[in-house]
PDB file of N, CA and C in Angstrom:
ATOM      1  N   UNK A   1     100.539 105.549 122.643  1.00  0.00           N
ATOM      2  CA  UNK A   1      99.476 104.737 122.490  1.00  0.00           C
ATOM      3  C   UNK A   1      98.113 105.295 121.921  1.00  0.00           C
ATOM      4  N   UNK A   2      97.396 104.342 120.665  1.00  0.00           N
ATOM      5  CA  UNK A   2      96.407 104.901 120.219  1.00  0.00           C
ATOM      6  C   UNK A   2      95.206 104.018 120.457  1.00  0.00           C
ATOM      7  N   UNK A   3      93.883 104.494 120.224  1.00  0.00           N
ATOM      8  CA  UNK A   3      92.830 103.653 120.428  1.00  0.00           C
ATOM      9  C   UNK A   3      93.102 102.160 120.525  1.00  0.00           C
ATOM     10  N   UNK A   4      93.758 101.817 119.464  1.00  0.00           N
ATOM     11  CA  UNK A   4      93.978 100.625 118.832  1.00  0.00           C
ATOM     12  C   UNK A   4      94.879  99.747 119.854  1.00  0.00           C
ATOM     13  N   UNK A   5      95.613 100.090 120.401  1.00  0.00           N
ATOM     14  CA  UNK A   5      96.602  99.706 121.211  1.00  0.00           C
ATOM     15  C   UNK A   5      95.657  98.862 122.378  1.00  0.00           C
ATOM     16  N   UNK A   6      97.050  97.445 122.635  1.00  0.00           N
ATOM     17  CA  UNK A   6      96.192  96.699 123.958  1.00  0.00           C
ATOM     18  C   UNK A   6      97.104  96.691 125.158  1.00  0.00           C
ATOM     19  N   UNK A   7      96.718  97.481 126.305  1.00  0.00           N
ATOM     20  CA  UNK A   7      96.918  97.556 127.424  1.00  0.00           C
ATOM     21  C   UNK A   7      97.594  95.876 127.767  1.00  0.00           C
ATOM     22  N   UNK A   8      98.490  96.267 128.710  1.00  0.00           N
ATOM     23  CA  UNK A   8      99.191  94.793 129.365  1.00  0.00           C
ATOM     24  C   UNK A   8      99.699  95.000 131.139  1.00  0.00           C
ATOM     25  N   UNK A   9      99.455  96.635 131.461  1.00  0.00           N
ATOM     26  CA  UNK A   9      99.772  96.626 133.012  1.00  0.00           C
ATOM     27  C   UNK A   9     100.675  97.455 132.821  1.00  0.00           C
ATOM     28  N   UNK A  10     101.626  96.947 134.123  1.00  0.00           N
ATOM     29  CA  UNK A  10     103.256  97.570 134.507  1.00  0.00           C
ATOM     30  C   UNK A  10     103.991  96.655 134.436  1.00  0.00           C
ATOM     31  N   UNK A  11     103.555  95.331 134.168  1.00  0.00           N
ATOM     32  CA  UNK A  11     104.651  94.083 134.263  1.00  0.00           C
ATOM     33  C   UNK A  11     104.055  93.139 133.298  1.00  0.00           C
ATOM     34  N   UNK A  12     104.877  93.140 132.176  1.00  0.00           N
ATOM     35  CA  UNK A  12     104.706  92.168 131.173  1.00  0.00           C
ATOM     36  C   UNK A  12     105.603  90.992 131.363  1.00  0.00           C
ATOM     37  N   UNK A  13     106.412  90.913 132.508  1.00  0.00           N
ATOM     38  CA  UNK A  13     107.138  89.192 133.374  1.00  0.00           C
ATOM     39  C   UNK A  13     106.195  88.471 133.455  1.00  0.00           C
ATOM     40  N   UNK A  14     104.947  88.922 134.144  1.00  0.00           N
ATOM     41  CA  UNK A  14     103.778  87.845 134.846  1.00  0.00           C
ATOM     42  C   UNK A  14     102.757  87.331 133.553  1.00  0.00           C
ATOM     43  N   UNK A  15     102.920  87.695 131.814  1.00  0.00           N
ATOM     44  CA  UNK A  15     102.254  87.176 131.430  1.00  0.00           C
ATOM     45  C   UNK A  15     102.535  85.768 131.186  1.00  0.00           C
ATOM     46  N   UNK A  16     101.237  85.317 131.458  1.00  0.00           N
ATOM     47  CA  UNK A  16     101.433  83.704 131.634  1.00  0.00           C
ATOM     48  C   UNK A  16     100.667  82.772 130.339  1.00  0.00           C
ATOM     49  N   UNK A  17     100.019  83.135 129.648  1.00  0.00           N
ATOM     50  CA  UNK A  17      99.239  82.924 128.636  1.00  0.00           C
ATOM     51  C   UNK A  17     100.621  82.159 127.530  1.00  0.00           C
ATOM     52  N   UNK A  18      99.837  81.074 126.996  1.00  0.00           N
ATOM     53  CA  UNK A  18     100.649  80.503 125.697  1.00  0.00           C
ATOM     54  C   UNK A  18     100.719  81.543 124.307  1.00  0.00           C
ATOM     55  N   UNK A  19      99.117  81.907 124.502  1.00  0.00           N
ATOM     56  CA  UNK A  19      98.905  82.715 123.216  1.00  0.00           C
ATOM     57  C   UNK A  19      98.173  83.919 123.709  1.00  0.00           C
ATOM     58  N   UNK A  20      98.272  84.925 122.500  1.00  0.00           N
ATOM     59  CA  UNK A  20      97.450  86.268 122.759  1.00  0.00           C
ATOM     60  C   UNK A  20      96.716  86.284 121.786  1.00  0.00           C
ATOM     61  N   UNK A  21      95.590  86.638 122.074  1.00  0.00           N
ATOM     62  CA  UNK A  21      94.383  87.018 121.074  1.00  0.00           C
ATOM     63  C   UNK A  21      93.596  88.097 120.859  1.00  0.00           C
ATOM     64  N   UNK A  22      93.707  89.018 120.143  1.00  0.00           N
ATOM     65  CA  UNK A  22      93.666  90.095 120.017  1.00  0.00           C
ATOM     66  C   UNK A  22      92.319  90.193 118.754  1.00  0.00           C
ATOM     67  N   UNK A  23      91.236  91.013 119.299  1.00  0.00           N
ATOM     68  CA  UNK A  23      90.111  90.850 118.666  1.00  0.00           C
ATOM     69  C   UNK A  23      89.468  92.099 118.467  1.00  0.00           C
ATOM     70  N   UNK A  24      89.555  92.834 117.328  1.00  0.00           N
ATOM     71  CA  UNK A  24      89.185  94.313 116.972  1.00  0.00           C
ATOM     72  C   UNK A  24      87.625  94.106 116.155  1.00  0.00           C
ATOM     73  N   UNK A  25      86.905  95.120 116.340  1.00  0.00           N
ATOM     74  CA  UNK A  25      85.946  95.163 115.476  1.00  0.00           C
ATOM     75  C   UNK A  25      86.421  94.960 113.860  1.00  0.00           C
ATOM     76  N   UNK A  26      85.464  94.403 113.042  1.00  0.00           N
ATOM     77  CA  UNK A  26      85.449  93.921 111.716  1.00  0.00           C
ATOM     78  C   UNK A  26      84.444  95.051 111.083  1.00  0.00           C
ATOM     79  N   UNK A  27      84.491  94.683 109.829  1.00  0.00           N
ATOM     80  CA  UNK A  27      83.333  95.947 109.075  1.00  0.00           C
ATOM     81  C   UNK A  27      83.005  95.469 107.649  1.00  0.00           C
ATOM     82  N   UNK A  28      82.169  95.674 107.422  1.00  0.00           N
ATOM     83  CA  UNK A  28      81.133  94.762 106.027  1.00  0.00           C
ATOM     84  C   UNK A  28      81.583  95.971 105.053  1.00  0.00           C
ATOM     85  N   UNK A  29      82.177  95.604 104.003  1.00  0.00           N
ATOM     86  CA  UNK A  29      82.356  96.399 102.775  1.00  0.00           C
ATOM     87  C   UNK A  29      80.954  96.840 102.181  1.00  0.00           C
ATOM     88  N   UNK A  30      81.156  98.300 102.074  1.00  0.00           N
ATOM     89  CA  UNK A  30      79.896  98.556 101.332  1.00  0.00           C
ATOM     90  C   UNK A  30      78.670  98.958 102.710  1.00  0.00           C
ATOM     91  N   UNK A  31      78.882  98.565 103.992  1.00  0.00           N
ATOM     92  CA  UNK A  31      77.645  98.752 105.022  1.00  0.00           C
ATOM     93  C   UNK A  31      76.745  97.867 105.036  1.00  0.00           C
ATOM     94  N   UNK A  32      76.647  96.722 104.092  1.00  0.00           N
ATOM     95  CA  UNK A  32      75.315  95.794 104.163  1.00  0.00           C
ATOM     96  C   UNK A  32      76.214  94.456 103.911  1.00  0.00           C
ATOM     97  N   UNK A  33      75.462  93.292 104.503  1.00  0.00           N
ATOM     98  CA  UNK A  33      75.904  91.958 104.411  1.00  0.00           C
ATOM     99  C   UNK A  33      74.617  90.934 104.205  1.00  0.00           C
ATOM    100  N   UNK A  34      74.602  90.392 103.376  1.00  0.00           N
ATOM    101  CA  UNK A  34      73.476  89.459 103.136  1.00  0.00           C
ATOM    102  C   UNK A  34      73.788  88.455 103.658  1.00  0.00           C
ATOM    103  N   UNK A  35      75.093  87.755 104.227  1.00  0.00           N
ATOM    104  CA  UNK A  35      75.274  86.405 104.799  1.00  0.00           C
ATOM    105  C   UNK A  35      75.296  86.757 106.554  1.00  0.00           C
ATOM    106  N   UNK A  36      75.782  87.898 107.048  1.00  0.00           N
ATOM    107  CA  UNK A  36      75.668  88.192 108.374  1.00  0.00           C
ATOM    108  C   UNK A  36      75.163  89.229 108.813  1.00  0.00           C
ATOM    109  N   UNK A  37      74.288  89.247 109.991  1.00  0.00           N
ATOM    110  CA  UNK A  37      73.726  90.624 110.521  1.00  0.00           C
ATOM    111  C   UNK A  37      75.043  91.634 111.140  1.00  0.00           C
ATOM    112  N   UNK A  38      76.022  90.955 111.309  1.00  0.00           N
ATOM    113  CA  UNK A  38      76.998  91.892 111.921  1.00  0.00           C
ATOM    114  C   UNK A  38      78.477  91.204 111.622  1.00  0.00           C
ATOM    115  N   UNK A  39      79.318  92.599 111.152  1.00  0.00           N
ATOM    116  CA  UNK A  39      80.676  92.059 110.570  1.00  0.00           C
ATOM    117  C   UNK A  39      81.147  90.923 111.572  1.00  0.00           C
ATOM    118  N   UNK A  40      82.262  90.279 111.233  1.00  0.00           N
ATOM    119  CA  UNK A  40      82.872  89.495 111.835  1.00  0.00           C
ATOM    120  C   UNK A  40      84.234  90.150 111.958  1.00  0.00           C
ATOM    121  N   UNK A  41      84.468  89.837 113.680  1.00  0.00           N
ATOM    122  CA  UNK A  41      85.683  90.697 114.096  1.00  0.00           C
ATOM    123  C   UNK A  41      87.273  90.174 113.583  1.00  0.00           C
ATOM    124  N   UNK A  42      87.855  91.144 113.769  1.00  0.00           N
ATOM    125  CA  UNK A  42      89.748  90.601 113.121  1.00  0.00           C
ATOM    126  C   UNK A  42      90.557  90.155 114.544  1.00  0.00           C
ATOM    127  N   UNK A  43      90.780  89.142 113.772  1.00  0.00           N
ATOM    128  CA  UNK A  43      91.478  87.992 115.186  1.00  0.00           C
ATOM    129  C   UNK A  43      93.149  88.133 114.677  1.00  0.00           C
ATOM    130  N   UNK A  44      93.722  88.141 115.525  1.00  0.00           N
ATOM    131  CA  UNK A  44      95.028  88.401 115.670  1.00  0.00           C
ATOM    132  C   UNK A  44      95.710  87.368 116.657  1.00  0.00           C
ATOM    133  N   UNK A  45      96.314  86.327 116.182  1.00  0.00           N
ATOM    134  CA  UNK A  45      97.114  85.298 117.241  1.00  0.00           C
ATOM    135  C   UNK A  45      98.370  85.630 116.961  1.00  0.00           C
ATOM    136  N   UNK A  46      99.066  85.627 118.617  1.00  0.00           N
ATOM    137  CA  UNK A  46     100.532  85.612 118.934  1.00  0.00           C
ATOM    138  C   UNK A  46     100.909  84.974 119.835  1.00  0.00           C
ATOM    139  N   UNK A  47     101.942  84.279 119.748  1.00  0.00           N
ATOM    140  CA  UNK A  47     102.557  83.144 120.970  1.00  0.00           C
ATOM    141  C   UNK A  47     103.109  84.298 121.840  1.00  0.00           C
ATOM    142  N   UNK A  48     103.038  83.703 123.196  1.00  0.00           N
ATOM    143  CA  UNK A  48     103.654  84.605 124.862  1.00  0.00           C
ATOM    144  C   UNK A  48     104.948  85.252 124.050  1.00  0.00           C
ATOM    145  N   UNK A  49     105.922  84.719 123.635  1.00  0.00           N
ATOM    146  CA  UNK A  49     107.383  85.304 123.129  1.00  0.00           C
ATOM    147  C   UNK A  49     107.598  86.253 122.142  1.00  0.00           C
ATOM    148  N   UNK A  50     106.309  86.202 121.121  1.00  0.00           N
ATOM    149  CA  UNK A  50     106.060  87.285 120.395  1.00  0.00           C
ATOM    150  C   UNK A  50     105.051  88.251 120.911  1.00  0.00           C
ATOM    151  N   UNK A  51     104.624  88.247 121.709  1.00  0.00           N
ATOM    152  CA  UNK A  51     104.120  89.249 122.532  1.00  0.00           C
ATOM    153  C   UNK A  51     104.836  90.180 123.271  1.00  0.00           C
ATOM    154  N   UNK A  52     105.725  89.323 124.025  1.00  0.00           N
ATOM    155  CA  UNK A  52     106.608  89.835 124.913  1.00  0.00           C
ATOM    156  C   UNK A  52     107.783  90.576 124.021  1.00  0.00           C
ATOM    157  N   UNK A  53     108.219  90.516 122.945  1.00  0.00           N
ATOM    158  CA  UNK A  53     108.953  90.970 122.215  1.00  0.00           C
ATOM    159  C   UNK A  53     108.741  92.071 121.545  1.00  0.00           C
ATOM    160  N   UNK A  54     106.952  92.354 121.436  1.00  0.00           N
ATOM    161  CA  UNK A  54     106.484  93.329 120.593  1.00  0.00           C
ATOM    162  C   UNK A  54     106.226  94.349 121.603  1.00  0.00           C
ATOM    163  N   UNK A  55     105.960  93.903 122.696  1.00  0.00           N
ATOM    164  CA  UNK A  55     105.133  95.334 123.660  1.00  0.00           C
ATOM    165  C   UNK A  55     106.357  96.590 123.584  1.00  0.00           C
ATOM    166  N   UNK A  56     105.431  97.783 123.720  1.00  0.00           N
ATOM    167  CA  UNK A  56     106.494  98.992 123.943  1.00  0.00           C
ATOM    168  C   UNK A  56     106.257  99.415 125.728  1.00  0.00           C
ATOM    169  N   UNK A  57     106.731  99.762 126.164  1.00  0.00           N
ATOM    170  CA  UNK A  57     106.962 100.278 127.513  1.00  0.00           C
ATOM    171  C   UNK A  57     106.392 102.058 127.295  1.00  0.00           C
ATOM    172  N   UNK A  58     105.509 102.583 128.191  1.00  0.00           N
ATOM    173  CA  UNK A  58     105.451 104.152 128.266  1.00  0.00           C
ATOM    174  C   UNK A  58     104.836 104.629 129.266  1.00  0.00           C
ATOM    175  N   UNK A  59     105.346 105.451 129.758  1.00  0.00           N
ATOM    176  CA  UNK A  59     104.942 105.963 131.182  1.00  0.00           C
ATOM    177  C   UNK A  59     104.356 104.918 132.319  1.00  0.00           C
ATOM    178  N   UNK A  60     105.297 103.840 132.453  1.00  0.00           N
ATOM    179  CA  UNK A  60     105.074 102.851 133.383  1.00  0.00           C
ATOM    180  C   UNK A  60     104.478 101.807 132.857  1.00  0.00           C
ATOM    181  N   UNK A  61     103.480 101.622 131.684  1.00  0.00           N
ATOM    182  CA  UNK A  61     102.826 100.594 131.198  1.00  0.00           C
ATOM    183  C   UNK A  61     103.454 100.088 130.009  1.00  0.00           C
ATOM    184  N   UNK A  62     103.081  98.639 129.833  1.00  0.00           N
ATOM    185  CA  UNK A  62     103.202  98.186 128.867  1.00  0.00           C
ATOM    186  C   UNK A  62     102.208  97.997 127.973  1.00  0.00           C
ATOM    187  N   UNK A  63     102.362  98.094 126.537  1.00  0.00           N
ATOM    188  CA  UNK A  63     100.906  98.389 125.518  1.00  0.00           C
ATOM    189  C   UNK A  63     101.694  97.416 124.351  1.00  0.00           C
ATOM    190  N   UNK A  64     100.458  97.069 123.645  1.00  0.00           N
ATOM    191  CA  UNK A  64     100.988  96.567 122.134  1.00  0.00           C
ATOM    192  C   UNK A  64     100.317  97.338 121.305  1.00  0.00           C
ATOM    193  N   UNK A  65     101.272  97.631 120.414  1.00  0.00           N
ATOM    194  CA  UNK A  65     100.352  98.705 119.271  1.00  0.00           C
ATOM    195  C   UNK A  65     100.280  98.076 118.046  1.00  0.00           C
ATOM    196  N   UNK A  66      99.176  98.491 117.484  1.00  0.00           N
ATOM    197  CA  UNK A  66      98.374  97.805 116.294  1.00  0.00           C
ATOM    198  C   UNK A  66      99.450  97.452 115.221  1.00  0.00           C
ATOM    199  N   UNK A  67     100.329  98.116 114.804  1.00  0.00           N
ATOM    200  CA  UNK A  67     101.445  98.008 113.919  1.00  0.00           C
ATOM    201  C   UNK A  67     102.301  96.701 114.587  1.00  0.00           C
ATOM    202  N   UNK A  68     102.402  96.257 115.734  1.00  0.00           N
ATOM    203  CA  UNK A  68     103.052  95.130 116.469  1.00  0.00           C
ATOM    204  C   UNK A  68     101.959  94.042 116.398  1.00  0.00           C
ATOM    205  N   UNK A  69     100.577  94.029 116.154  1.00  0.00           N
ATOM    206  CA  UNK A  69      99.943  92.561 116.173  1.00  0.00           C
ATOM    207  C   UNK A  69      99.265  92.442 114.599  1.00  0.00           C
ATOM    208  N   UNK A  70      99.242  93.528 113.735  1.00  0.00           N
ATOM    209  CA  UNK A  70      98.850  93.840 112.411  1.00  0.00           C
ATOM    210  C   UNK A  70      99.231  92.552 111.553  1.00  0.00           C
ATOM    211  N   UNK A  71     100.491  92.189 111.595  1.00  0.00           N
ATOM    212  CA  UNK A  71     100.844  91.193 110.907  1.00  0.00           C
ATOM    213  C   UNK A  71     100.631  89.570 111.366  1.00  0.00           C
ATOM    214  N   UNK A  72      99.635  89.334 112.438  1.00  0.00           N
ATOM    215  CA  UNK A  72      99.200  87.961 112.682  1.00  0.00           C
ATOM    216  C   UNK A  72      98.201  87.803 112.727  1.00  0.00           C
ATOM    217  N   UNK A  73      97.396  88.432 111.532  1.00  0.00           N
ATOM    218  CA  UNK A  73      95.932  88.126 111.583  1.00  0.00           C
ATOM    219  C   UNK A  73      95.821  86.897 111.123  1.00  0.00           C
ATOM    220  N   UNK A  74      94.388  86.571 111.942  1.00  0.00           N
ATOM    221  CA  UNK A  74      94.011  84.866 111.420  1.00  0.00           C
ATOM    222  C   UNK A  74      95.087  83.862 111.677  1.00  0.00           C
ATOM    223  N   UNK A  75      96.436  84.074 112.396  1.00  0.00           N
ATOM    224  CA  UNK A  75      97.284  83.010 112.384  1.00  0.00           C
ATOM    225  C   UNK A  75      96.980  81.654 112.990  1.00  0.00           C
ATOM    226  N   UNK A  76      95.760  81.173 113.115  1.00  0.00           N
ATOM    227  CA  UNK A  76      95.097  80.099 113.967  1.00  0.00           C
ATOM    228  C   UNK A  76      96.517  78.797 113.976  1.00  0.00           C
ATOM    229  N   UNK A  77      96.999  78.712 113.069  1.00  0.00           N
ATOM    230  CA  UNK A  77      97.946  77.416 112.842  1.00  0.00           C
ATOM    231  C   UNK A  77      99.220  77.704 113.799  1.00  0.00           C
ATOM    232  N   UNK A  78      99.315  78.810 114.443  1.00  0.00           N
ATOM    233  CA  UNK A  78     100.199  78.744 115.694  1.00  0.00           C
ATOM    234  C   UNK A  78      99.413  78.239 116.596  1.00  0.00           C
ATOM    235  N   UNK A  79      98.191  78.200 116.884  1.00  0.00           N
ATOM    236  CA  UNK A  79      97.731  77.085 117.963  1.00  0.00           C
ATOM    237  C   UNK A  79      97.607  75.838 117.921  1.00  0.00           C
ATOM    238  N   UNK A  80      97.374  75.309 116.063  1.00  0.00           N
ATOM    239  CA  UNK A  80      97.043  73.803 115.963  1.00  0.00           C
ATOM    240  C   UNK A  80      95.921  73.346 115.724  1.00  0.00           C
ATOM    241  N   UNK A  81      95.613  72.261 115.890  1.00  0.00           N
ATOM    242  CA  UNK A  81      94.266  71.657 115.786  1.00  0.00           C
ATOM    243  C   UNK A  81      93.648  70.705 116.875  1.00  0.00           C
ATOM    244  N   UNK A  82      94.152  70.920 117.732  1.00  0.00           N
ATOM    245  CA  UNK A  82      94.067  69.806 119.212  1.00  0.00           C
ATOM    246  C   UNK A  82      94.974  69.204 120.140  1.00  0.00           C
TER     247      UNK A  82
END
């Protein structure tokens, strides 16, 4: 487990959310932006099933590794539009 991993505790079976949203700090290329004072975060959207099948168990706890969620960046279409 590294610093980009998302912890889920010791029971993944209790995950009741329809979707899991992972937010990580964004960055501005070159360190500066004329349009925003802060970089926009990176957003990863996963379904409950995708999350449950992607978690790893180690030392009695479940976590979602960066490799497991990185392909879900900006996948807002999973949630829909209302």
